[in-house]
PDB file of all heavy atoms in Angstrom:
ATOM      1  N   GLN A   1     146.009  21.334  42.813  1.00  0.00           N
ATOM      2  CA  GLN A   1     146.645  22.595  43.223  1.00  0.00           C
ATOM      3  C   GLN A   1     145.683  23.750  42.924  1.00  0.00           C
ATOM      4  O   GLN A   1     145.860  24.498  41.950  1.00  0.00           O
ATOM      5  CB  GLN A   1     147.966  22.797  42.460  1.00  0.00           C
ATOM      6  CG  GLN A   1     148.985  21.695  42.663  1.00  0.00           C
ATOM      7  CD  GLN A   1     149.527  21.678  44.074  1.00  0.00           C
ATOM      8  OE1 GLN A   1     149.517  22.698  44.763  1.00  0.00           O
ATOM      9  NE2 GLN A   1     150.004  20.529  44.519  1.00  0.00           N
ATOM     10  N   PRO A   2     144.636  23.914  43.731  1.00  0.00           N
ATOM     11  CA  PRO A   2     143.621  24.928  43.410  1.00  0.00           C
ATOM     12  C   PRO A   2     144.142  26.349  43.437  1.00  0.00           C
ATOM     13  O   PRO A   2     143.542  27.237  42.840  1.00  0.00           O
ATOM     14  CB  PRO A   2     142.548  24.706  44.491  1.00  0.00           C
ATOM     15  CG  PRO A   2     143.266  24.028  45.609  1.00  0.00           C
ATOM     16  CD  PRO A   2     144.327  23.186  44.963  1.00  0.00           C
ATOM     17  N   GLY A   3     145.268  26.597  44.118  1.00  0.00           N
ATOM     18  CA  GLY A   3     145.802  27.956  44.157  1.00  0.00           C
ATOM     19  C   GLY A   3     146.153  28.489  42.784  1.00  0.00           C
ATOM     20  O   GLY A   3     146.049  29.695  42.519  1.00  0.00           O
ATOM     21  N   LEU A   4     146.566  27.577  41.884  1.00  0.00           N
ATOM     22  CA  LEU A   4     146.928  28.026  40.542  1.00  0.00           C
ATOM     23  C   LEU A   4     145.722  28.502  39.746  1.00  0.00           C
ATOM     24  O   LEU A   4     145.875  29.220  38.753  1.00  0.00           O
ATOM     25  CB  LEU A   4     147.631  26.892  39.782  1.00  0.00           C
ATOM     26  CG  LEU A   4     149.022  26.519  40.304  1.00  0.00           C
ATOM     27  CD1 LEU A   4     149.574  25.323  39.546  1.00  0.00           C
ATOM     28  CD2 LEU A   4     149.979  27.698  40.172  1.00  0.00           C
ATOM     29  N   LEU A   5     144.510  28.080  40.170  1.00  0.00           N
ATOM     30  CA  LEU A   5     143.324  28.553  39.463  1.00  0.00           C
ATOM     31  C   LEU A   5     143.120  30.051  39.642  1.00  0.00           C
ATOM     32  O   LEU A   5     142.372  30.674  38.880  1.00  0.00           O
ATOM     33  CB  LEU A   5     142.092  27.805  39.966  1.00  0.00           C
ATOM     34  CG  LEU A   5     142.052  26.303  39.661  1.00  0.00           C
ATOM     35  CD1 LEU A   5     140.752  25.712  40.153  1.00  0.00           C
ATOM     36  CD2 LEU A   5     142.227  26.039  38.175  1.00  0.00           C
ATOM     37  N   LEU A   6     143.783  30.642  40.630  1.00  0.00           N
ATOM     38  CA  LEU A   6     143.698  32.094  40.793  1.00  0.00           C
ATOM     39  C   LEU A   6     144.267  32.813  39.578  1.00  0.00           C
ATOM     40  O   LEU A   6     143.877  33.948  39.281  1.00  0.00           O
ATOM     41  CB  LEU A   6     144.440  32.528  42.065  1.00  0.00           C
ATOM     42  CG  LEU A   6     143.827  32.069  43.397  1.00  0.00           C
ATOM     43  CD1 LEU A   6     144.721  32.482  44.559  1.00  0.00           C
ATOM     44  CD2 LEU A   6     142.437  32.644  43.568  1.00  0.00           C
ATOM     45  N   LEU A   7     145.196  32.139  38.882  1.00  0.00           N
ATOM     46  CA  LEU A   7     145.737  32.754  37.665  1.00  0.00           C
ATOM     47  C   LEU A   7     144.648  32.982  36.633  1.00  0.00           C
ATOM     48  O   LEU A   7     144.635  34.006  35.940  1.00  0.00           O
ATOM     49  CB  LEU A   7     146.844  31.869  37.076  1.00  0.00           C
ATOM     50  CG  LEU A   7     148.157  31.819  37.855  1.00  0.00           C
ATOM     51  CD1 LEU A   7     149.098  30.811  37.211  1.00  0.00           C
ATOM     52  CD2 LEU A   7     148.800  33.198  37.908  1.00  0.00           C
ATOM     53  N   LEU A   8     143.723  32.007  36.530  1.00  0.00           N
ATOM     54  CA  LEU A   8     142.619  32.191  35.595  1.00  0.00           C
ATOM     55  C   LEU A   8     141.744  33.359  36.013  1.00  0.00           C
ATOM     56  O   LEU A   8     141.283  34.135  35.175  1.00  0.00           O
ATOM     57  CB  LEU A   8     141.784  30.913  35.520  1.00  0.00           C
ATOM     58  CG  LEU A   8     142.438  29.718  34.815  1.00  0.00           C
ATOM     59  CD1 LEU A   8     141.515  28.520  34.883  1.00  0.00           C
ATOM     60  CD2 LEU A   8     142.777  30.051  33.376  1.00  0.00           C
ATOM     61  N   ALA A   9     141.515  33.499  37.311  1.00  0.00           N
ATOM     62  CA  ALA A   9     140.691  34.607  37.799  1.00  0.00           C
ATOM     63  C   ALA A   9     141.353  35.952  37.530  1.00  0.00           C
ATOM     64  O   ALA A   9     140.678  36.965  37.336  1.00  0.00           O
ATOM     65  CB  ALA A   9     140.414  34.441  39.291  1.00  0.00           C
ATOM     66  N   VAL A  10     142.701  35.963  37.521  1.00  0.00           N
ATOM     67  CA  VAL A  10     143.419  37.214  37.252  1.00  0.00           C
ATOM     68  C   VAL A  10     143.516  37.475  35.757  1.00  0.00           C
ATOM     69  O   VAL A  10     143.348  38.609  35.284  1.00  0.00           O
ATOM     70  CB  VAL A  10     144.825  37.161  37.883  1.00  0.00           C
ATOM     71  CG1 VAL A  10     145.654  38.363  37.459  1.00  0.00           C
ATOM     72  CG2 VAL A  10     144.726  37.094  39.400  1.00  0.00           C
ATOM     73  N   LEU A  11     143.777  36.419  34.975  1.00  0.00           N
ATOM     74  CA  LEU A  11     143.981  36.606  33.543  1.00  0.00           C
ATOM     75  C   LEU A  11     142.700  36.929  32.797  1.00  0.00           C
ATOM     76  O   LEU A  11     142.737  37.621  31.780  1.00  0.00           O
ATOM     77  CB  LEU A  11     144.624  35.344  32.947  1.00  0.00           C
ATOM     78  CG  LEU A  11     146.071  35.079  33.345  1.00  0.00           C
ATOM     79  CD1 LEU A  11     146.557  33.769  32.749  1.00  0.00           C
ATOM     80  CD2 LEU A  11     146.970  36.233  32.896  1.00  0.00           C
ATOM     81  N   ALA A  12     141.562  36.436  33.274  1.00  0.00           N
ATOM     82  CA  ALA A  12     140.301  36.693  32.568  1.00  0.00           C
ATOM     83  C   ALA A  12     139.983  38.183  32.488  1.00  0.00           C
ATOM     84  O   ALA A  12     139.765  38.713  31.392  1.00  0.00           O
ATOM     85  CB  ALA A  12     139.161  35.910  33.228  1.00  0.00           C
ATOM     86  N   PRO A  13     139.958  38.916  33.613  1.00  0.00           N
ATOM     87  CA  PRO A  13     139.699  40.362  33.475  1.00  0.00           C
ATOM     88  C   PRO A  13     140.819  41.100  32.756  1.00  0.00           C
ATOM     89  O   PRO A  13     140.583  42.102  32.079  1.00  0.00           O
ATOM     90  CB  PRO A  13     139.568  40.839  34.930  1.00  0.00           C
ATOM     91  CG  PRO A  13     140.232  39.794  35.759  1.00  0.00           C
ATOM     92  CD  PRO A  13     140.037  38.510  35.028  1.00  0.00           C
ATOM     93  N   LEU A  14     142.058  40.594  32.904  1.00  0.00           N
ATOM     94  CA  LEU A  14     143.160  41.228  32.189  1.00  0.00           C
ATOM     95  C   LEU A  14     142.984  41.091  30.683  1.00  0.00           C
ATOM     96  O   LEU A  14     143.225  42.049  29.924  1.00  0.00           O
ATOM     97  CB  LEU A  14     144.484  40.600  32.630  1.00  0.00           C
ATOM     98  CG  LEU A  14     145.751  41.158  31.976  1.00  0.00           C
ATOM     99  CD1 LEU A  14     145.887  42.650  32.274  1.00  0.00           C
ATOM    100  CD2 LEU A  14     146.985  40.408  32.459  1.00  0.00           C
ATOM    101  N   ALA A  15     142.563  39.904  30.226  1.00  0.00           N
ATOM    102  CA  ALA A  15     142.327  39.706  28.798  1.00  0.00           C
ATOM    103  C   ALA A  15     141.202  40.618  28.310  1.00  0.00           C
ATOM    104  O   ALA A  15     141.284  41.215  27.229  1.00  0.00           O
ATOM    105  CB  ALA A  15     141.987  38.243  28.524  1.00  0.00           C
ATOM    106  N   ALA A  16     140.127  40.749  29.108  1.00  0.00           N
ATOM    107  CA  ALA A  16     139.031  41.634  28.726  1.00  0.00           C
ATOM    108  C   ALA A  16     139.502  43.079  28.636  1.00  0.00           C
ATOM    109  O   ALA A  16     139.109  43.828  27.725  1.00  0.00           O
ATOM    110  CB  ALA A  16     137.888  41.511  29.741  1.00  0.00           C
ATOM    111  N   LEU A  17     140.390  43.482  29.560  1.00  0.00           N
ATOM    112  CA  LEU A  17     140.928  44.840  29.531  1.00  0.00           C
ATOM    113  C   LEU A  17     141.780  45.068  28.283  1.00  0.00           C
ATOM    114  O   LEU A  17     141.710  46.143  27.653  1.00  0.00           O
ATOM    115  CB  LEU A  17     141.756  45.079  30.790  1.00  0.00           C
ATOM    116  CG  LEU A  17     142.376  46.470  30.954  1.00  0.00           C
ATOM    117  CD1 LEU A  17     141.285  47.526  31.011  1.00  0.00           C
ATOM    118  CD2 LEU A  17     143.243  46.535  32.201  1.00  0.00           C
ATOM    119  N   LEU A  18     142.565  44.074  27.900  1.00  0.00           N
ATOM    120  CA  LEU A  18     143.400  44.221  26.707  1.00  0.00           C
ATOM    121  C   LEU A  18     142.551  44.315  25.442  1.00  0.00           C
ATOM    122  O   LEU A  18     142.853  45.093  24.529  1.00  0.00           O
ATOM    123  CB  LEU A  18     144.362  43.031  26.606  1.00  0.00           C
ATOM    124  CG  LEU A  18     145.481  42.978  27.655  1.00  0.00           C
ATOM    125  CD1 LEU A  18     146.296  41.702  27.507  1.00  0.00           C
ATOM    126  CD2 LEU A  18     146.389  44.206  27.523  1.00  0.00           C
ATOM    127  N   VAL A  19     141.476  43.528  25.369  1.00  0.00           N
ATOM    128  CA  VAL A  19     140.576  43.612  24.213  1.00  0.00           C
ATOM    129  C   VAL A  19     139.942  44.998  24.138  1.00  0.00           C
ATOM    130  O   VAL A  19     139.865  45.611  23.056  1.00  0.00           O
ATOM    131  CB  VAL A  19     139.495  42.514  24.303  1.00  0.00           C
ATOM    132  CG1 VAL A  19     138.415  42.737  23.249  1.00  0.00           C
ATOM    133  CG2 VAL A  19     140.127  41.142  24.124  1.00  0.00           C
ATOM    134  N   TYR A  20     139.504  45.494  25.285  1.00  0.00           N
ATOM    135  CA  TYR A  20     138.911  46.830  25.305  1.00  0.00           C
ATOM    136  C   TYR A  20     139.927  47.886  24.887  1.00  0.00           C
ATOM    137  O   TYR A  20     139.607  48.810  24.120  1.00  0.00           O
ATOM    138  CB  TYR A  20     138.377  47.127  26.702  1.00  0.00           C
ATOM    139  CG  TYR A  20     137.924  48.552  26.879  1.00  0.00           C
ATOM    140  CD1 TYR A  20     136.696  48.976  26.382  1.00  0.00           C
ATOM    141  CD2 TYR A  20     138.732  49.481  27.538  1.00  0.00           C
ATOM    142  CE1 TYR A  20     136.285  50.289  26.540  1.00  0.00           C
ATOM    143  CE2 TYR A  20     138.323  50.794  27.705  1.00  0.00           C
ATOM    144  CZ  TYR A  20     137.101  51.203  27.198  1.00  0.00           C
ATOM    145  OH  TYR A  20     136.695  52.495  27.344  1.00  0.00           O
ATOM    146  N   ALA A  21     141.173  47.748  25.374  1.00  0.00           N
ATOM    147  CA  ALA A  21     142.204  48.726  25.025  1.00  0.00           C
ATOM    148  C   ALA A  21     142.509  48.694  23.535  1.00  0.00           C
ATOM    149  O   ALA A  21     142.712  49.754  22.898  1.00  0.00           O
ATOM    150  CB  ALA A  21     143.468  48.446  25.835  1.00  0.00           C
ATOM    151  N   ALA A  22     142.545  47.489  22.937  1.00  0.00           N
ATOM    152  CA  ALA A  22     142.827  47.387  21.496  1.00  0.00           C
ATOM    153  C   ALA A  22     141.714  48.042  20.688  1.00  0.00           C
ATOM    154  O   ALA A  22     141.971  48.768  19.716  1.00  0.00           O
ATOM    155  CB  ALA A  22     142.993  45.920  21.109  1.00  0.00           C
ATOM    156  N   ARG A  23     140.471  47.799  21.062  1.00  0.00           N
ATOM    157  CA  ARG A  23     139.360  48.422  20.340  1.00  0.00           C
ATOM    158  C   ARG A  23     139.376  49.941  20.518  1.00  0.00           C
ATOM    159  O   ARG A  23     139.109  50.689  19.566  1.00  0.00           O
ATOM    160  CB  ARG A  23     138.044  47.849  20.843  1.00  0.00           C
ATOM    161  CG  ARG A  23     137.839  46.393  20.439  1.00  0.00           C
ATOM    162  CD  ARG A  23     136.504  45.881  20.935  1.00  0.00           C
ATOM    163  NE  ARG A  23     136.281  44.508  20.500  1.00  0.00           N
ATOM    164  CZ  ARG A  23     135.207  43.784  20.820  1.00  0.00           C
ATOM    165  NH1 ARG A  23     134.267  44.327  21.591  1.00  0.00           N
ATOM    166  NH2 ARG A  23     135.079  42.557  20.377  1.00  0.00           N
ATOM    167  N   ARG A  24     139.683  50.381  21.714  1.00  0.00           N
ATOM    168  CA  ARG A  24     139.748  51.834  21.951  1.00  0.00           C
ATOM    169  C   ARG A  24     140.877  52.461  21.138  1.00  0.00           C
ATOM    170  O   ARG A  24     140.709  53.570  20.583  1.00  0.00           O
ATOM    171  CB  ARG A  24     139.979  52.080  23.446  1.00  0.00           C
ATOM    172  CG  ARG A  24     140.021  53.546  23.837  1.00  0.00           C
ATOM    173  CD  ARG A  24     138.670  54.198  23.660  1.00  0.00           C
ATOM    174  NE  ARG A  24     138.712  55.586  24.053  1.00  0.00           N
ATOM    175  CZ  ARG A  24     138.391  56.024  25.262  1.00  0.00           C
ATOM    176  NH1 ARG A  24     138.009  55.154  26.205  1.00  0.00           N
ATOM    177  NH2 ARG A  24     138.424  57.304  25.546  1.00  0.00           N
ATOM    178  N   ALA A  25     142.001  51.784  21.009  1.00  0.00           N
ATOM    179  CA  ALA A  25     143.118  52.318  20.228  1.00  0.00           C
ATOM    180  C   ALA A  25     142.749  52.434  18.748  1.00  0.00           C
ATOM    181  O   ALA A  25     143.079  53.437  18.085  1.00  0.00           O
ATOM    182  CB  ALA A  25     144.345  51.421  20.411  1.00  0.00           C
ATOM    183  N   ARG A  26     142.059  51.405  18.207  1.00  0.00           N
ATOM    184  CA  ARG A  26     141.650  51.485  16.800  1.00  0.00           C
ATOM    185  C   ARG A  26     140.646  52.607  16.576  1.00  0.00           C
ATOM    186  O   ARG A  26     140.712  53.343  15.565  1.00  0.00           O
ATOM    187  CB  ARG A  26     141.054  50.145  16.369  1.00  0.00           C
ATOM    188  CG  ARG A  26     142.086  49.038  16.195  1.00  0.00           C
ATOM    189  CD  ARG A  26     141.504  47.855  15.454  1.00  0.00           C
ATOM    190  NE  ARG A  26     140.431  47.204  16.201  1.00  0.00           N
ATOM    191  CZ  ARG A  26     140.626  46.214  17.057  1.00  0.00           C
ATOM    192  NH1 ARG A  26     141.858  45.762  17.268  1.00  0.00           N
ATOM    193  NH2 ARG A  26     139.611  45.674  17.693  1.00  0.00           N
ATOM    194  N   ARG A  27     139.720  52.782  17.524  1.00  0.00           N
ATOM    195  CA  ARG A  27     138.742  53.858  17.386  1.00  0.00           C
ATOM    196  C   ARG A  27     139.427  55.228  17.456  1.00  0.00           C
ATOM    197  O   ARG A  27     139.109  56.138  16.678  1.00  0.00           O
ATOM    198  CB  ARG A  27     137.687  53.724  18.484  1.00  0.00           C
ATOM    199  CG  ARG A  27     136.537  54.708  18.340  1.00  0.00           C
ATOM    200  CD  ARG A  27     135.350  54.365  19.237  1.00  0.00           C
ATOM    201  NE  ARG A  27     135.736  54.403  20.644  1.00  0.00           N
ATOM    202  CZ  ARG A  27     135.816  53.319  21.408  1.00  0.00           C
ATOM    203  NH1 ARG A  27     135.572  52.121  20.899  1.00  0.00           N
ATOM    204  NH2 ARG A  27     136.155  53.419  22.676  1.00  0.00           N
ATOM    205  N   ASP A  28     140.388  55.383  18.366  1.00  0.00           N
ATOM    206  CA  ASP A  28     141.099  56.653  18.470  1.00  0.00           C
ATOM    207  C   ASP A  28     141.934  56.918  17.221  1.00  0.00           C
ATOM    208  O   ASP A  28     142.084  58.084  16.797  1.00  0.00           O
ATOM    209  CB  ASP A  28     142.000  56.648  19.709  1.00  0.00           C
ATOM    210  CG  ASP A  28     141.191  56.658  21.002  1.00  0.00           C
ATOM    211  OD1 ASP A  28     139.980  56.946  20.938  1.00  0.00           O
ATOM    212  OD2 ASP A  28     141.779  56.351  22.067  1.00  0.00           O
ATOM    213  N   LEU A  29     142.487  55.865  16.627  1.00  0.00           N
ATOM    214  CA  LEU A  29     143.284  56.051  15.415  1.00  0.00           C
ATOM    215  C   LEU A  29     142.413  56.538  14.261  1.00  0.00           C
ATOM    216  O   LEU A  29     142.812  57.433  13.497  1.00  0.00           O
ATOM    217  CB  LEU A  29     143.978  54.736  15.048  1.00  0.00           C
ATOM    218  CG  LEU A  29     144.868  54.778  13.798  1.00  0.00           C
ATOM    219  CD1 LEU A  29     145.999  55.800  13.974  1.00  0.00           C
ATOM    220  CD2 LEU A  29     145.450  53.391  13.514  1.00  0.00           C
ATOM    221  N   ARG A  30     141.217  55.967  14.141  1.00  0.00           N
ATOM    222  CA  ARG A  30     140.322  56.441  13.087  1.00  0.00           C
ATOM    223  C   ARG A  30     139.916  57.897  13.323  1.00  0.00           C
ATOM    224  O   ARG A  30     139.853  58.708  12.381  1.00  0.00           O
ATOM    225  CB  ARG A  30     139.080  55.542  13.030  1.00  0.00           C
ATOM    226  CG  ARG A  30     139.357  54.169  12.451  1.00  0.00           C
ATOM    227  CD  ARG A  30     138.052  53.459  12.090  1.00  0.00           C
ATOM    228  NE  ARG A  30     137.238  53.194  13.268  1.00  0.00           N
ATOM    229  CZ  ARG A  30     137.298  52.075  13.963  1.00  0.00           C
ATOM    230  NH1 ARG A  30     138.137  51.109  13.589  1.00  0.00           N
ATOM    231  NH2 ARG A  30     136.527  51.897  15.016  1.00  0.00           N
ATOM    232  N   ALA A  31     139.664  58.266  14.576  1.00  0.00           N
ATOM    233  CA  ALA A  31     139.297  59.657  14.870  1.00  0.00           C
ATOM    234  C   ALA A  31     140.460  60.589  14.565  1.00  0.00           C
ATOM    235  O   ALA A  31     140.264  61.703  14.040  1.00  0.00           O
ATOM    236  CB  ALA A  31     138.893  59.779  16.340  1.00  0.00           C
ATOM    237  N   LEU A  32     141.695  60.166  14.849  1.00  0.00           N
ATOM    238  CA  LEU A  32     142.861  60.986  14.565  1.00  0.00           C
ATOM    239  C   LEU A  32     143.031  61.200  13.076  1.00  0.00           C
ATOM    240  O   LEU A  32     143.392  62.293  12.623  1.00  0.00           O
ATOM    241  CB  LEU A  32     144.111  60.333  15.166  1.00  0.00           C
ATOM    242  CG  LEU A  32     145.431  61.075  14.958  1.00  0.00           C
ATOM    243  CD1 LEU A  32     145.365  62.446  15.643  1.00  0.00           C
ATOM    244  CD2 LEU A  32     146.600  60.271  15.520  1.00  0.00           C
ATOM    245  N   ARG A  33     142.766  60.163  12.302  1.00  0.00           N
ATOM    246  CA  ARG A  33     142.872  60.319  10.844  1.00  0.00           C
ATOM    247  C   ARG A  33     141.869  61.348  10.331  1.00  0.00           C
ATOM    248  O   ARG A  33     142.175  62.141   9.439  1.00  0.00           O
ATOM    249  CB  ARG A  33     142.640  58.968  10.160  1.00  0.00           C
ATOM    250  CG  ARG A  33     143.807  58.006  10.281  1.00  0.00           C
ATOM    251  CD  ARG A  33     143.495  56.690   9.561  1.00  0.00           C
ATOM    252  NE  ARG A  33     144.587  55.757   9.652  1.00  0.00           N
ATOM    253  CZ  ARG A  33     145.622  55.719   8.827  1.00  0.00           C
ATOM    254  NH1 ARG A  33     145.699  56.620   7.855  1.00  0.00           N
ATOM    255  NH2 ARG A  33     146.601  54.852   8.977  1.00  0.00           N
ATOM    256  N   ARG A  34     140.657  61.306  10.889  1.00  0.00           N
ATOM    257  CA  ARG A  34     139.660  62.273  10.436  1.00  0.00           C
ATOM    258  C   ARG A  34     140.056  63.693  10.821  1.00  0.00           C
ATOM    259  O   ARG A  34     139.925  64.639  10.035  1.00  0.00           O
ATOM    260  CB  ARG A  34     138.293  61.924  11.029  1.00  0.00           C
ATOM    261  CG  ARG A  34     137.659  60.681  10.426  1.00  0.00           C
ATOM    262  CD  ARG A  34     136.177  60.602  10.801  1.00  0.00           C
ATOM    263  NE  ARG A  34     136.004  60.502  12.251  1.00  0.00           N
ATOM    264  CZ  ARG A  34     135.946  59.341  12.912  1.00  0.00           C
ATOM    265  NH1 ARG A  34     136.053  58.196  12.252  1.00  0.00           N
ATOM    266  NH2 ARG A  34     135.777  59.346  14.215  1.00  0.00           N
ATOM    267  N   VAL A  35     140.560  63.893  12.030  1.00  0.00           N
ATOM    268  CA  VAL A  35     140.951  65.236  12.466  1.00  0.00           C
ATOM    269  C   VAL A  35     142.117  65.755  11.650  1.00  0.00           C
ATOM    270  O   VAL A  35     142.163  66.938  11.258  1.00  0.00           O
ATOM    271  CB  VAL A  35     141.298  65.213  13.972  1.00  0.00           C
ATOM    272  CG1 VAL A  35     141.920  66.541  14.392  1.00  0.00           C
ATOM    273  CG2 VAL A  35     140.053  64.937  14.799  1.00  0.00           C
TER     274      VAL A  35
END
């Protein structure tokens, strides 16, 4: 069922986006504490 492999193609960039968002949130939190 090769159509289901499209889920991997969709989830991979989504996972990368979530990792980036988590790192950005931690960085913004540290900047907020300093301000």
